Amino acid sequence: MSVTTDPGLEQYVLRHIDPEPEQLHRLNRETHRRCLYPDMCSGHYQGRFLKMLMRMIKPVNILELGTFTGYSAMCLAEGAPDNAAVHTVELNDEMGRMIQENFNQWPHGHKITLHIGDALQLIEQLSRQYGPWDLVFMDANKRNYADYYQAVMPHVASGGFIVADNTLWYGKVADSDAHDAQTLGIRHFNSIVASDPHVEKVILPLRDGLTLIHKL
């Protein structure tokens, strides 16, 4: 069970980790004020984890599937090396202006390139142009997670990583009565990853579930 299911414990965690940068705090607040489904924003806890993960892995070529308002891409860029490039893909073209403005104001925004379109249609093109990927952060349509995985894995460098968000999906993955398309998509993805002998994998009960996948 994620600690974020306990509000008191979550607040304890947030008080004992690095503070959320002011610009990200404002973006988080604005996302909750203006956007539908604001929980899609990575937020303070997961954002600090993503930044530290970048510090540890030191990826140079990074692909993000699912930008939303840009919070997670900004965290990836914050922690990545100075010569890194973050390519992030967002389906909703109406979000493009807001996202780009957020990137332009971020001190690490020069590392980020926004691509508008369907991730499944862009993976091959972007991978040929900018890959292989040292790290892929997957946070787009949950129904398509298995398809994203199969499409992007050939373009992940040996020793590279895939980080998949929402892989516990509000606990519904373990609920036998849950049969909505998103839950089924995440379950299918989790099963594929679990049975893949070419990767190491672990699911962290952080926020809504975060799967770390290491390509051998």
N, C-alpha and C. Protein backbone atom coordinates (compact mmCIF):
# COMPACT_ATOMS: atom_id res chain seq x y z
N MET A 1 0.84 -1.19 0.00
CA MET A 1 0.00 0.00 0.00
C MET A 1 0.88 1.25 0.00
N SER A 2 0.58 2.19 -0.86
CA SER A 2 1.35 3.42 -0.93
C SER A 2 1.14 4.24 0.34
N VAL A 3 2.21 4.91 0.79
CA VAL A 3 2.07 5.77 1.95
C VAL A 3 1.13 6.93 1.64
N THR A 4 0.95 7.24 0.35
CA THR A 4 0.10 8.37 0.01
C THR A 4 -1.37 8.06 0.18
N THR A 5 -1.73 6.81 0.55
CA THR A 5 -3.12 6.51 0.91
C THR A 5 -3.41 6.95 2.34
N ASP A 6 -2.39 7.30 3.09
CA ASP A 6 -2.52 7.80 4.45
C ASP A 6 -2.10 9.27 4.45
N PRO A 7 -3.05 10.20 4.51
CA PRO A 7 -2.70 11.63 4.40
C PRO A 7 -1.69 12.08 5.45
N GLY A 8 -1.83 11.58 6.65
CA GLY A 8 -0.90 11.98 7.69
C GLY A 8 0.52 11.52 7.41
N LEU A 9 0.65 10.29 6.96
CA LEU A 9 1.96 9.75 6.65
C LEU A 9 2.55 10.44 5.42
N GLU A 10 1.69 10.76 4.45
CA GLU A 10 2.16 11.48 3.27
C GLU A 10 2.74 12.83 3.66
N GLN A 11 2.05 13.56 4.54
CA GLN A 11 2.55 14.86 4.97
C GLN A 11 3.87 14.72 5.73
N TYR A 12 4.00 13.65 6.50
CA TYR A 12 5.27 13.39 7.19
C TYR A 12 6.40 13.21 6.18
N VAL A 13 6.13 12.42 5.14
CA VAL A 13 7.13 12.20 4.10
C VAL A 13 7.52 13.52 3.45
N LEU A 14 6.54 14.32 3.08
CA LEU A 14 6.82 15.57 2.38
C LEU A 14 7.63 16.54 3.24
N ARG A 15 7.45 16.47 4.55
CA ARG A 15 8.20 17.35 5.44
C ARG A 15 9.64 16.90 5.60
N HIS A 16 9.95 15.68 5.21
CA HIS A 16 11.28 15.13 5.44
C HIS A 16 12.02 14.79 4.15
N ILE A 17 11.59 15.35 3.04
CA ILE A 17 12.32 15.22 1.79
C ILE A 17 12.65 16.62 1.28
N ASP A 18 13.38 16.70 0.18
CA ASP A 18 13.73 18.00 -0.38
C ASP A 18 12.46 18.78 -0.72
N PRO A 19 12.48 20.08 -0.51
CA PRO A 19 11.30 20.89 -0.82
C PRO A 19 11.03 20.94 -2.32
N GLU A 20 9.78 21.19 -2.63
CA GLU A 20 9.38 21.34 -4.02
C GLU A 20 9.81 22.72 -4.51
N PRO A 21 10.56 22.80 -5.63
CA PRO A 21 10.93 24.13 -6.15
C PRO A 21 9.71 25.00 -6.37
N GLU A 22 9.86 26.29 -6.17
CA GLU A 22 8.73 27.21 -6.20
C GLU A 22 7.98 27.16 -7.53
N GLN A 23 8.71 27.11 -8.64
CA GLN A 23 8.01 27.08 -9.93
C GLN A 23 7.19 25.81 -10.09
N LEU A 24 7.71 24.69 -9.62
CA LEU A 24 6.95 23.45 -9.69
C LEU A 24 5.76 23.49 -8.74
N HIS A 25 5.94 24.12 -7.60
CA HIS A 25 4.82 24.27 -6.66
C HIS A 25 3.69 25.07 -7.30
N ARG A 26 4.05 26.15 -7.98
CA ARG A 26 3.03 26.95 -8.66
C ARG A 26 2.36 26.16 -9.77
N LEU A 27 3.15 25.40 -10.53
CA LEU A 27 2.59 24.60 -11.61
C LEU A 27 1.64 23.53 -11.06
N ASN A 28 2.03 22.90 -9.98
CA ASN A 28 1.18 21.89 -9.35
C ASN A 28 -0.16 22.51 -8.93
N ARG A 29 -0.07 23.67 -8.30
CA ARG A 29 -1.28 24.36 -7.84
C ARG A 29 -2.15 24.79 -9.03
N GLU A 30 -1.51 25.31 -10.09
CA GLU A 30 -2.25 25.75 -11.26
C GLU A 30 -2.89 24.57 -11.98
N THR A 31 -2.21 23.44 -12.00
CA THR A 31 -2.77 22.24 -12.61
C THR A 31 -4.04 21.82 -11.89
N HIS A 32 -4.01 21.85 -10.57
CA HIS A 32 -5.20 21.48 -9.80
C HIS A 32 -6.33 22.51 -9.95
N ARG A 33 -5.97 23.73 -10.24
CA ARG A 33 -6.99 24.78 -10.39
C ARG A 33 -7.64 24.76 -11.77
N ARG A 34 -6.85 24.45 -12.80
CA ARG A 34 -7.32 24.66 -14.17
C ARG A 34 -7.64 23.39 -14.95
N CYS A 35 -7.10 22.25 -14.54
CA CYS A 35 -7.14 21.07 -15.40
C CYS A 35 -8.07 19.98 -14.85
N LEU A 36 -8.67 19.25 -15.77
CA LEU A 36 -9.37 18.03 -15.40
C LEU A 36 -8.34 16.97 -15.00
N TYR A 37 -8.71 16.10 -14.09
CA TYR A 37 -7.84 15.01 -13.64
C TYR A 37 -6.47 15.53 -13.17
N PRO A 38 -6.43 16.48 -12.24
CA PRO A 38 -5.15 17.05 -11.82
C PRO A 38 -4.23 16.05 -11.14
N ASP A 39 -4.77 14.92 -10.68
CA ASP A 39 -3.91 13.91 -10.06
C ASP A 39 -2.93 13.30 -11.05
N MET A 40 -3.12 13.57 -12.34
CA MET A 40 -2.17 13.11 -13.34
C MET A 40 -0.83 13.83 -13.22
N CYS A 41 -0.80 14.94 -12.51
CA CYS A 41 0.44 15.67 -12.28
C CYS A 41 1.30 14.90 -11.28
N SER A 42 2.57 14.71 -11.59
CA SER A 42 3.44 13.91 -10.72
C SER A 42 3.51 14.44 -9.30
N GLY A 43 3.66 15.74 -9.14
CA GLY A 43 3.65 16.32 -7.80
C GLY A 43 4.97 16.21 -7.06
N HIS A 44 4.96 16.78 -5.86
CA HIS A 44 6.16 16.96 -5.04
C HIS A 44 6.90 15.64 -4.79
N TYR A 45 6.21 14.67 -4.23
CA TYR A 45 6.84 13.41 -3.80
C TYR A 45 7.48 12.68 -4.97
N GLN A 46 6.68 12.42 -5.99
CA GLN A 46 7.20 11.68 -7.15
C GLN A 46 8.20 12.52 -7.93
N GLY A 47 7.97 13.82 -7.99
CA GLY A 47 8.89 14.69 -8.71
C GLY A 47 10.29 14.68 -8.14
N ARG A 48 10.40 14.72 -6.81
CA ARG A 48 11.73 14.67 -6.19
C ARG A 48 12.38 13.30 -6.42
N PHE A 49 11.55 12.24 -6.46
CA PHE A 49 12.10 10.92 -6.75
C PHE A 49 12.66 10.88 -8.18
N LEU A 50 11.90 11.41 -9.15
CA LEU A 50 12.35 11.40 -10.54
C LEU A 50 13.65 12.19 -10.69
N LYS A 51 13.74 13.33 -10.03
CA LYS A 51 14.97 14.10 -10.12
C LYS A 51 16.16 13.29 -9.59
N MET A 52 15.99 12.66 -8.43
CA MET A 52 17.09 11.89 -7.86
C MET A 52 17.43 10.68 -8.73
N LEU A 53 16.41 10.06 -9.31
CA LEU A 53 16.67 8.93 -10.20
C LEU A 53 17.54 9.36 -11.38
N MET A 54 17.27 10.55 -11.91
CA MET A 54 18.11 11.06 -13.01
C MET A 54 19.55 11.27 -12.54
N ARG A 55 19.70 11.76 -11.34
CA ARG A 55 21.05 11.95 -10.80
C ARG A 55 21.81 10.62 -10.72
N MET A 56 21.09 9.56 -10.36
CA MET A 56 21.74 8.25 -10.20
C MET A 56 22.04 7.61 -11.54
N ILE A 57 21.10 7.65 -12.47
CA ILE A 57 21.25 6.95 -13.75
C ILE A 57 22.09 7.76 -14.74
N LYS A 58 21.96 9.08 -14.69
CA LYS A 58 22.65 9.99 -15.59
C LYS A 58 22.32 9.72 -17.07
N PRO A 59 21.05 9.64 -17.41
CA PRO A 59 20.69 9.38 -18.81
C PRO A 59 20.90 10.63 -19.66
N VAL A 60 21.26 10.43 -20.91
CA VAL A 60 21.46 11.54 -21.84
C VAL A 60 20.28 11.67 -22.80
N ASN A 61 19.82 10.54 -23.34
CA ASN A 61 18.67 10.54 -24.24
C ASN A 61 17.44 10.03 -23.48
N ILE A 62 16.46 10.90 -23.32
CA ILE A 62 15.30 10.59 -22.48
C ILE A 62 14.03 10.81 -23.29
N LEU A 63 13.10 9.86 -23.20
CA LEU A 63 11.80 9.97 -23.86
C LEU A 63 10.71 9.90 -22.81
N GLU A 64 9.77 10.82 -22.87
CA GLU A 64 8.62 10.79 -21.99
C GLU A 64 7.36 10.63 -22.84
N LEU A 65 6.52 9.67 -22.47
CA LEU A 65 5.25 9.46 -23.15
C LEU A 65 4.14 9.96 -22.24
N GLY A 66 3.56 11.11 -22.57
CA GLY A 66 2.53 11.73 -21.74
C GLY A 66 3.09 12.90 -20.96
N THR A 67 2.88 14.12 -21.45
CA THR A 67 3.45 15.32 -20.84
C THR A 67 2.53 15.93 -19.79
N PHE A 68 1.22 15.94 -20.08
CA PHE A 68 0.20 16.64 -19.29
C PHE A 68 0.58 18.11 -19.18
N THR A 69 0.84 18.66 -18.00
CA THR A 69 1.20 20.08 -17.92
C THR A 69 2.71 20.30 -17.88
N GLY A 70 3.50 19.25 -17.93
CA GLY A 70 4.94 19.38 -18.03
C GLY A 70 5.72 19.17 -16.75
N TYR A 71 5.04 18.88 -15.64
CA TYR A 71 5.70 18.78 -14.34
C TYR A 71 6.79 17.69 -14.35
N SER A 72 6.45 16.50 -14.78
CA SER A 72 7.42 15.40 -14.73
C SER A 72 8.58 15.64 -15.68
N ALA A 73 8.32 16.19 -16.87
CA ALA A 73 9.40 16.49 -17.81
C ALA A 73 10.37 17.48 -17.19
N MET A 74 9.85 18.44 -16.46
CA MET A 74 10.70 19.44 -15.82
C MET A 74 11.57 18.80 -14.74
N CYS A 75 11.01 17.83 -14.01
CA CYS A 75 11.80 17.11 -13.00
C CYS A 75 12.88 16.25 -13.65
N LEU A 76 12.52 15.60 -14.76
CA LEU A 76 13.51 14.79 -15.48
C LEU A 76 14.67 15.67 -15.95
N ALA A 77 14.34 16.81 -16.53
CA ALA A 77 15.38 17.71 -17.02
C ALA A 77 16.21 18.28 -15.88
N GLU A 78 15.56 18.55 -14.75
CA GLU A 78 16.26 19.10 -13.59
C GLU A 78 17.37 18.18 -13.11
N GLY A 79 17.09 16.88 -13.09
CA GLY A 79 18.07 15.94 -12.56
C GLY A 79 19.02 15.37 -13.58
N ALA A 80 18.72 15.52 -14.87
CA ALA A 80 19.53 14.93 -15.93
C ALA A 80 20.81 15.73 -16.14
N PRO A 81 21.83 15.11 -16.74
CA PRO A 81 23.09 15.83 -17.00
C PRO A 81 22.89 17.05 -17.90
N ASP A 82 23.87 17.94 -17.91
CA ASP A 82 23.75 19.17 -18.68
C ASP A 82 23.60 18.91 -20.18
N ASN A 83 24.17 17.81 -20.66
CA ASN A 83 24.10 17.51 -22.09
C ASN A 83 22.92 16.62 -22.44
N ALA A 84 21.97 16.43 -21.52
CA ALA A 84 20.84 15.55 -21.76
C ALA A 84 19.79 16.24 -22.63
N ALA A 85 18.96 15.41 -23.27
CA ALA A 85 17.82 15.89 -24.05
C ALA A 85 16.60 15.09 -23.64
N VAL A 86 15.54 15.80 -23.25
CA VAL A 86 14.28 15.18 -22.87
C VAL A 86 13.28 15.45 -23.99
N HIS A 87 12.82 14.39 -24.64
CA HIS A 87 11.79 14.49 -25.68
C HIS A 87 10.49 13.99 -25.07
N THR A 88 9.50 14.88 -24.99
CA THR A 88 8.24 14.54 -24.34
C THR A 88 7.09 14.65 -25.33
N VAL A 89 6.17 13.70 -25.28
CA VAL A 89 5.09 13.59 -26.25
C VAL A 89 3.75 13.78 -25.55
N GLU A 90 2.95 14.73 -26.06
CA GLU A 90 1.62 15.00 -25.52
C GLU A 90 0.58 14.93 -26.63
N LEU A 91 -0.49 14.20 -26.38
CA LEU A 91 -1.54 14.03 -27.38
C LEU A 91 -2.40 15.28 -27.54
N ASN A 92 -2.69 15.96 -26.44
CA ASN A 92 -3.64 17.07 -26.43
C ASN A 92 -2.98 18.35 -26.94
N ASP A 93 -3.27 18.71 -28.18
CA ASP A 93 -2.62 19.88 -28.75
C ASP A 93 -3.07 21.18 -28.09
N GLU A 94 -4.21 21.17 -27.42
CA GLU A 94 -4.67 22.37 -26.73
C GLU A 94 -3.80 22.70 -25.51
N MET A 95 -3.03 21.73 -25.05
CA MET A 95 -2.14 21.95 -23.91
C MET A 95 -0.79 22.51 -24.33
N GLY A 96 -0.51 22.51 -25.64
CA GLY A 96 0.83 22.81 -26.11
C GLY A 96 1.38 24.15 -25.67
N ARG A 97 0.57 25.20 -25.77
CA ARG A 97 1.05 26.53 -25.42
C ARG A 97 1.39 26.63 -23.93
N MET A 98 0.50 26.11 -23.10
CA MET A 98 0.73 26.13 -21.66
C MET A 98 2.00 25.36 -21.30
N ILE A 99 2.13 24.18 -21.88
CA ILE A 99 3.31 23.35 -21.59
C ILE A 99 4.59 24.08 -21.98
N GLN A 100 4.62 24.63 -23.19
CA GLN A 100 5.84 25.28 -23.68
C GLN A 100 6.19 26.50 -22.83
N GLU A 101 5.19 27.23 -22.39
CA GLU A 101 5.45 28.37 -21.50
C GLU A 101 6.09 27.91 -20.19
N ASN A 102 5.61 26.78 -19.67
CA ASN A 102 6.21 26.24 -18.45
C ASN A 102 7.66 25.87 -18.67
N PHE A 103 7.94 25.25 -19.80
CA PHE A 103 9.32 24.86 -20.11
C PHE A 103 10.21 26.10 -20.30
N ASN A 104 9.68 27.11 -20.97
CA ASN A 104 10.48 28.31 -21.25
C ASN A 104 10.88 29.02 -19.96
N GLN A 105 10.06 28.92 -18.93
CA GLN A 105 10.35 29.60 -17.66
C GLN A 105 11.21 28.76 -16.72
N TRP A 106 11.44 27.52 -17.04
CA TRP A 106 12.17 26.60 -16.18
C TRP A 106 13.67 26.70 -16.47
N PRO A 107 14.53 26.82 -15.48
CA PRO A 107 15.97 26.95 -15.74
C PRO A 107 16.57 25.79 -16.55
N HIS A 108 15.91 24.64 -16.51
CA HIS A 108 16.40 23.47 -17.23
C HIS A 108 15.58 23.20 -18.50
N GLY A 109 14.73 24.16 -18.85
CA GLY A 109 13.82 23.95 -19.97
C GLY A 109 14.50 23.79 -21.31
N HIS A 110 15.74 24.30 -21.43
CA HIS A 110 16.45 24.16 -22.71
C HIS A 110 16.75 22.70 -23.05
N LYS A 111 16.65 21.82 -22.06
CA LYS A 111 16.90 20.39 -22.32
C LYS A 111 15.67 19.69 -22.89
N ILE A 112 14.50 20.35 -22.87
CA ILE A 112 13.23 19.69 -23.17
C ILE A 112 12.72 20.10 -24.54
N THR A 113 12.29 19.10 -25.33
CA THR A 113 11.62 19.34 -26.61
C THR A 113 10.25 18.71 -26.55
N LEU A 114 9.23 19.52 -26.82
CA LEU A 114 7.84 19.05 -26.80
C LEU A 114 7.42 18.58 -28.19
N HIS A 115 6.79 17.40 -28.24
CA HIS A 115 6.24 16.87 -29.48
C HIS A 115 4.75 16.63 -29.26
N ILE A 116 3.93 17.17 -30.13
CA ILE A 116 2.48 17.00 -30.03
C ILE A 116 2.04 15.90 -30.99
N GLY A 117 1.33 14.90 -30.48
CA GLY A 117 0.85 13.82 -31.32
C GLY A 117 0.61 12.56 -30.51
N ASP A 118 0.20 11.53 -31.21
CA ASP A 118 -0.07 10.22 -30.61
C ASP A 118 1.25 9.50 -30.36
N ALA A 119 1.49 9.14 -29.11
CA ALA A 119 2.77 8.51 -28.75
C ALA A 119 3.03 7.25 -29.56
N LEU A 120 2.00 6.43 -29.77
CA LEU A 120 2.20 5.20 -30.52
C LEU A 120 2.66 5.47 -31.95
N GLN A 121 2.20 6.57 -32.51
CA GLN A 121 2.57 6.91 -33.88
C GLN A 121 3.93 7.59 -33.95
N LEU A 122 4.37 8.18 -32.85
CA LEU A 122 5.62 8.95 -32.85
C LEU A 122 6.83 8.18 -32.32
N ILE A 123 6.60 7.10 -31.59
CA ILE A 123 7.72 6.38 -30.97
C ILE A 123 8.78 5.99 -31.99
N GLU A 124 8.37 5.38 -33.09
CA GLU A 124 9.33 4.90 -34.09
C GLU A 124 10.10 6.07 -34.70
N GLN A 125 9.39 7.11 -35.09
CA GLN A 125 10.02 8.28 -35.71
C GLN A 125 11.02 8.95 -34.77
N LEU A 126 10.59 9.21 -33.54
CA LEU A 126 11.48 9.87 -32.58
C LEU A 126 12.66 8.99 -32.22
N SER A 127 12.43 7.69 -32.14
CA SER A 127 13.51 6.77 -31.78
C SER A 127 14.57 6.71 -32.86
N ARG A 128 14.14 6.73 -34.13
CA ARG A 128 15.12 6.73 -35.22
C ARG A 128 15.91 8.03 -35.23
N GLN A 129 15.27 9.11 -34.88
CA GLN A 129 15.90 10.42 -34.95
C GLN A 129 16.75 10.74 -33.73
N TYR A 130 16.30 10.32 -32.55
CA TYR A 130 16.97 10.75 -31.32
C TYR A 130 17.47 9.60 -30.44
N GLY A 131 17.01 8.38 -30.68
CA GLY A 131 17.39 7.26 -29.85
C GLY A 131 18.80 6.79 -30.14
N PRO A 132 19.23 5.69 -29.51
CA PRO A 132 18.48 4.89 -28.53
C PRO A 132 18.31 5.65 -27.21
N TRP A 133 17.30 5.21 -26.45
CA TRP A 133 16.93 5.90 -25.22
C TRP A 133 17.65 5.31 -24.01
N ASP A 134 18.21 6.17 -23.21
CA ASP A 134 18.79 5.73 -21.94
C ASP A 134 17.70 5.55 -20.89
N LEU A 135 16.62 6.33 -21.03
CA LEU A 135 15.51 6.23 -20.08
C LEU A 135 14.22 6.66 -20.77
N VAL A 136 13.16 5.89 -20.52
CA VAL A 136 11.82 6.22 -21.01
C VAL A 136 10.90 6.32 -19.80
N PHE A 137 10.19 7.45 -19.70
CA PHE A 137 9.19 7.61 -18.64
C PHE A 137 7.82 7.49 -19.29
N MET A 138 7.06 6.50 -18.87
CA MET A 138 5.78 6.16 -19.49
C MET A 138 4.64 6.61 -18.58
N ASP A 139 3.85 7.57 -19.09
CA ASP A 139 2.75 8.10 -18.28
C ASP A 139 1.63 8.61 -19.19
N ALA A 140 1.35 7.87 -20.25
CA ALA A 140 0.31 8.26 -21.20
C ALA A 140 -0.92 7.36 -21.00
N ASN A 141 -1.67 7.11 -22.06
CA ASN A 141 -2.93 6.36 -21.99
C ASN A 141 -2.70 4.96 -21.42
N LYS A 142 -3.33 4.68 -20.29
CA LYS A 142 -3.09 3.40 -19.60
C LYS A 142 -3.53 2.21 -20.44
N ARG A 143 -4.51 2.41 -21.30
CA ARG A 143 -4.98 1.30 -22.15
C ARG A 143 -3.87 0.82 -23.09
N ASN A 144 -2.93 1.71 -23.40
CA ASN A 144 -1.92 1.40 -24.41
C ASN A 144 -0.55 1.05 -23.83
N TYR A 145 -0.47 0.86 -22.52
CA TYR A 145 0.85 0.64 -21.92
C TYR A 145 1.59 -0.54 -22.54
N ALA A 146 0.91 -1.64 -22.77
CA ALA A 146 1.57 -2.81 -23.35
C ALA A 146 2.08 -2.48 -24.75
N ASP A 147 1.30 -1.73 -25.52
CA ASP A 147 1.72 -1.34 -26.87
C ASP A 147 2.92 -0.39 -26.82
N TYR A 148 2.88 0.56 -25.89
CA TYR A 148 4.04 1.45 -25.75
C TYR A 148 5.30 0.63 -25.44
N TYR A 149 5.15 -0.30 -24.52
CA TYR A 149 6.30 -1.11 -24.08
C TYR A 149 6.90 -1.88 -25.26
N GLN A 150 6.06 -2.52 -26.02
CA GLN A 150 6.54 -3.31 -27.14
C GLN A 150 7.12 -2.44 -28.25
N ALA A 151 6.57 -1.24 -28.41
CA ALA A 151 7.07 -0.34 -29.45
C ALA A 151 8.40 0.29 -29.07
N VAL A 152 8.57 0.63 -27.80
CA VAL A 152 9.76 1.38 -27.41
C VAL A 152 10.92 0.50 -26.99
N MET A 153 10.64 -0.71 -26.52
CA MET A 153 11.71 -1.55 -25.98
C MET A 153 12.86 -1.79 -26.96
N PRO A 154 12.60 -2.02 -28.27
CA PRO A 154 13.74 -2.20 -29.18
C PRO A 154 14.64 -0.97 -29.28
N HIS A 155 14.13 0.18 -28.86
CA HIS A 155 14.89 1.43 -28.97
C HIS A 155 15.49 1.88 -27.65
N VAL A 156 15.35 1.06 -26.61
CA VAL A 156 15.98 1.34 -25.32
C VAL A 156 17.39 0.77 -25.34
N ALA A 157 18.36 1.57 -24.98
CA ALA A 157 19.74 1.12 -24.99
C ALA A 157 19.94 -0.04 -24.02
N SER A 158 20.88 -0.92 -24.33
CA SER A 158 21.24 -1.97 -23.38
C SER A 158 21.71 -1.33 -22.08
N GLY A 159 21.12 -1.75 -20.97
CA GLY A 159 21.41 -1.13 -19.68
C GLY A 159 20.52 0.06 -19.39
N GLY A 160 19.62 0.39 -20.33
CA GLY A 160 18.71 1.52 -20.15
C GLY A 160 17.51 1.16 -19.29
N PHE A 161 16.67 2.14 -19.03
CA PHE A 161 15.55 1.98 -18.11
C PHE A 161 14.25 2.47 -18.73
N ILE A 162 13.16 1.80 -18.34
CA ILE A 162 11.81 2.30 -18.53
C ILE A 162 11.22 2.51 -17.14
N VAL A 163 10.61 3.65 -16.93
CA VAL A 163 9.92 3.94 -15.68
C VAL A 163 8.45 4.14 -16.04
N ALA A 164 7.59 3.30 -15.51
CA ALA A 164 6.16 3.35 -15.84
C ALA A 164 5.36 3.80 -14.63
N ASP A 165 4.55 4.83 -14.84
CA ASP A 165 3.75 5.39 -13.74
C ASP A 165 2.37 4.75 -13.69
N ASN A 166 1.74 4.83 -12.52
CA ASN A 166 0.35 4.39 -12.30
C ASN A 166 0.16 2.88 -12.45
N THR A 167 1.16 2.10 -12.14
CA THR A 167 1.06 0.66 -12.37
C THR A 167 0.32 -0.09 -11.26
N LEU A 168 -0.14 0.61 -10.24
CA LEU A 168 -1.06 0.02 -9.26
C LEU A 168 -2.48 0.51 -9.47
N TRP A 169 -2.63 1.59 -10.21
CA TRP A 169 -3.91 2.14 -10.66
C TRP A 169 -4.96 2.16 -9.55
N TYR A 170 -4.67 2.95 -8.53
CA TYR A 170 -5.58 3.14 -7.40
C TYR A 170 -5.92 1.82 -6.69
N GLY A 171 -5.03 0.83 -6.81
CA GLY A 171 -5.25 -0.48 -6.20
C GLY A 171 -6.17 -1.39 -7.00
N LYS A 172 -6.67 -0.89 -8.12
CA LYS A 172 -7.66 -1.66 -8.88
C LYS A 172 -7.04 -2.86 -9.59
N VAL A 173 -5.72 -2.86 -9.79
CA VAL A 173 -5.08 -4.00 -10.46
C VAL A 173 -5.26 -5.29 -9.66
N ALA A 174 -5.42 -5.16 -8.35
CA ALA A 174 -5.60 -6.34 -7.49
C ALA A 174 -7.05 -6.58 -7.11
N ASP A 175 -7.96 -5.83 -7.72
CA ASP A 175 -9.39 -5.95 -7.44
C ASP A 175 -10.05 -6.78 -8.54
N SER A 176 -10.47 -7.98 -8.21
CA SER A 176 -11.03 -8.88 -9.21
C SER A 176 -12.34 -8.37 -9.80
N ASP A 177 -12.95 -7.39 -9.15
CA ASP A 177 -14.21 -6.83 -9.66
C ASP A 177 -13.99 -5.65 -10.60
N ALA A 178 -12.74 -5.22 -10.77
CA ALA A 178 -12.45 -4.07 -11.62
C ALA A 178 -12.12 -4.55 -13.04
N HIS A 179 -12.93 -4.11 -14.00
CA HIS A 179 -12.74 -4.56 -15.39
C HIS A 179 -12.78 -3.41 -16.38
N ASP A 180 -12.57 -2.17 -15.92
CA ASP A 180 -12.55 -1.04 -16.85
C ASP A 180 -11.31 -1.12 -17.74
N ALA A 181 -11.35 -0.41 -18.85
CA ALA A 181 -10.30 -0.53 -19.87
C ALA A 181 -8.93 -0.14 -19.34
N GLN A 182 -8.87 0.90 -18.50
CA GLN A 182 -7.58 1.33 -17.97
C GLN A 182 -6.97 0.27 -17.06
N THR A 183 -7.81 -0.29 -16.19
CA THR A 183 -7.31 -1.34 -15.29
C THR A 183 -6.84 -2.55 -16.07
N LEU A 184 -7.60 -2.96 -17.06
CA LEU A 184 -7.21 -4.10 -17.89
C LEU A 184 -5.90 -3.81 -18.62
N GLY A 185 -5.75 -2.56 -19.10
CA GLY A 185 -4.52 -2.21 -19.79
C GLY A 185 -3.30 -2.28 -18.89
N ILE A 186 -3.44 -1.77 -17.66
CA ILE A 186 -2.32 -1.82 -16.72
C ILE A 186 -2.02 -3.26 -16.31
N ARG A 187 -3.06 -4.05 -16.06
CA ARG A 187 -2.84 -5.46 -15.69
C ARG A 187 -2.08 -6.19 -16.80
N HIS A 188 -2.49 -5.95 -18.05
CA HIS A 188 -1.83 -6.61 -19.18
C HIS A 188 -0.37 -6.19 -19.26
N PHE A 189 -0.11 -4.91 -19.11
CA PHE A 189 1.26 -4.42 -19.12
C PHE A 189 2.07 -5.05 -17.99
N ASN A 190 1.52 -5.06 -16.78
CA ASN A 190 2.25 -5.64 -15.65
C ASN A 190 2.59 -7.11 -15.89
N SER A 191 1.66 -7.84 -16.50
CA SER A 191 1.90 -9.26 -16.79
C SER A 191 3.00 -9.43 -17.82
N ILE A 192 3.00 -8.59 -18.86
CA ILE A 192 4.03 -8.68 -19.89
C ILE A 192 5.41 -8.39 -19.30
N VAL A 193 5.50 -7.34 -18.50
CA VAL A 193 6.78 -6.99 -17.89
C VAL A 193 7.25 -8.10 -16.94
N ALA A 194 6.34 -8.62 -16.15
CA ALA A 194 6.69 -9.66 -15.18
C ALA A 194 7.26 -10.90 -15.86
N SER A 195 6.79 -11.21 -17.06
CA SER A 195 7.21 -12.42 -17.76
C SER A 195 8.34 -12.19 -18.76
N ASP A 196 8.84 -10.96 -18.84
CA ASP A 196 9.90 -10.64 -19.80
C ASP A 196 11.26 -11.01 -19.21
N PRO A 197 11.95 -12.01 -19.78
CA PRO A 197 13.23 -12.44 -19.21
C PRO A 197 14.38 -11.50 -19.55
N HIS A 198 14.13 -10.50 -20.37
CA HIS A 198 15.20 -9.62 -20.83
C HIS A 198 15.31 -8.35 -19.98
N VAL A 199 14.51 -8.27 -18.91
CA VAL A 199 14.55 -7.09 -18.06
C VAL A 199 14.51 -7.50 -16.59
N GLU A 200 15.09 -6.63 -15.76
CA GLU A 200 14.85 -6.67 -14.32
C GLU A 200 13.74 -5.69 -14.03
N LYS A 201 12.90 -6.00 -13.06
CA LYS A 201 11.76 -5.12 -12.80
C LYS A 201 11.37 -5.14 -11.33
N VAL A 202 10.89 -3.98 -10.85
CA VAL A 202 10.38 -3.88 -9.49
C VAL A 202 9.28 -2.82 -9.49
N ILE A 203 8.18 -3.10 -8.78
CA ILE A 203 7.11 -2.12 -8.63
C ILE A 203 7.26 -1.46 -7.27
N LEU A 204 7.39 -0.15 -7.27
CA LEU A 204 7.47 0.61 -6.03
C LEU A 204 6.09 1.14 -5.69
N PRO A 205 5.63 0.96 -4.45
CA PRO A 205 4.31 1.48 -4.05
C PRO A 205 4.38 2.97 -3.73
N LEU A 206 4.98 3.70 -4.62
CA LEU A 206 5.13 5.14 -4.48
C LEU A 206 3.98 5.81 -5.22
N ARG A 207 3.21 6.60 -4.48
CA ARG A 207 2.05 7.29 -5.06
C ARG A 207 1.09 6.26 -5.64
N ASP A 208 0.92 6.19 -6.97
CA ASP A 208 -0.03 5.26 -7.59
C ASP A 208 0.67 4.06 -8.21
N GLY A 209 1.89 3.79 -7.77
CA GLY A 209 2.66 2.66 -8.30
C GLY A 209 3.60 3.12 -9.38
N LEU A 210 4.89 2.81 -9.22
CA LEU A 210 5.91 3.20 -10.18
C LEU A 210 6.78 1.97 -10.44
N THR A 211 6.79 1.52 -11.69
CA THR A 211 7.58 0.33 -12.04
C THR A 211 8.90 0.75 -12.67
N LEU A 212 9.99 0.24 -12.09
CA LEU A 212 11.33 0.46 -12.66
C LEU A 212 11.71 -0.79 -13.45
N ILE A 213 12.08 -0.59 -14.70
CA ILE A 213 12.42 -1.70 -15.60
C ILE A 213 13.82 -1.45 -16.15
N HIS A 214 14.70 -2.40 -15.96
CA HIS A 214 16.10 -2.28 -16.40
C HIS A 214 16.34 -3.28 -17.52
N LYS A 215 16.69 -2.79 -18.69
CA LYS A 215 16.94 -3.66 -19.84
C LYS A 215 18.33 -4.27 -19.72
N LEU A 216 18.38 -5.58 -19.73
CA LEU A 216 19.65 -6.29 -19.56
C LEU A 216 20.46 -6.31 -20.85
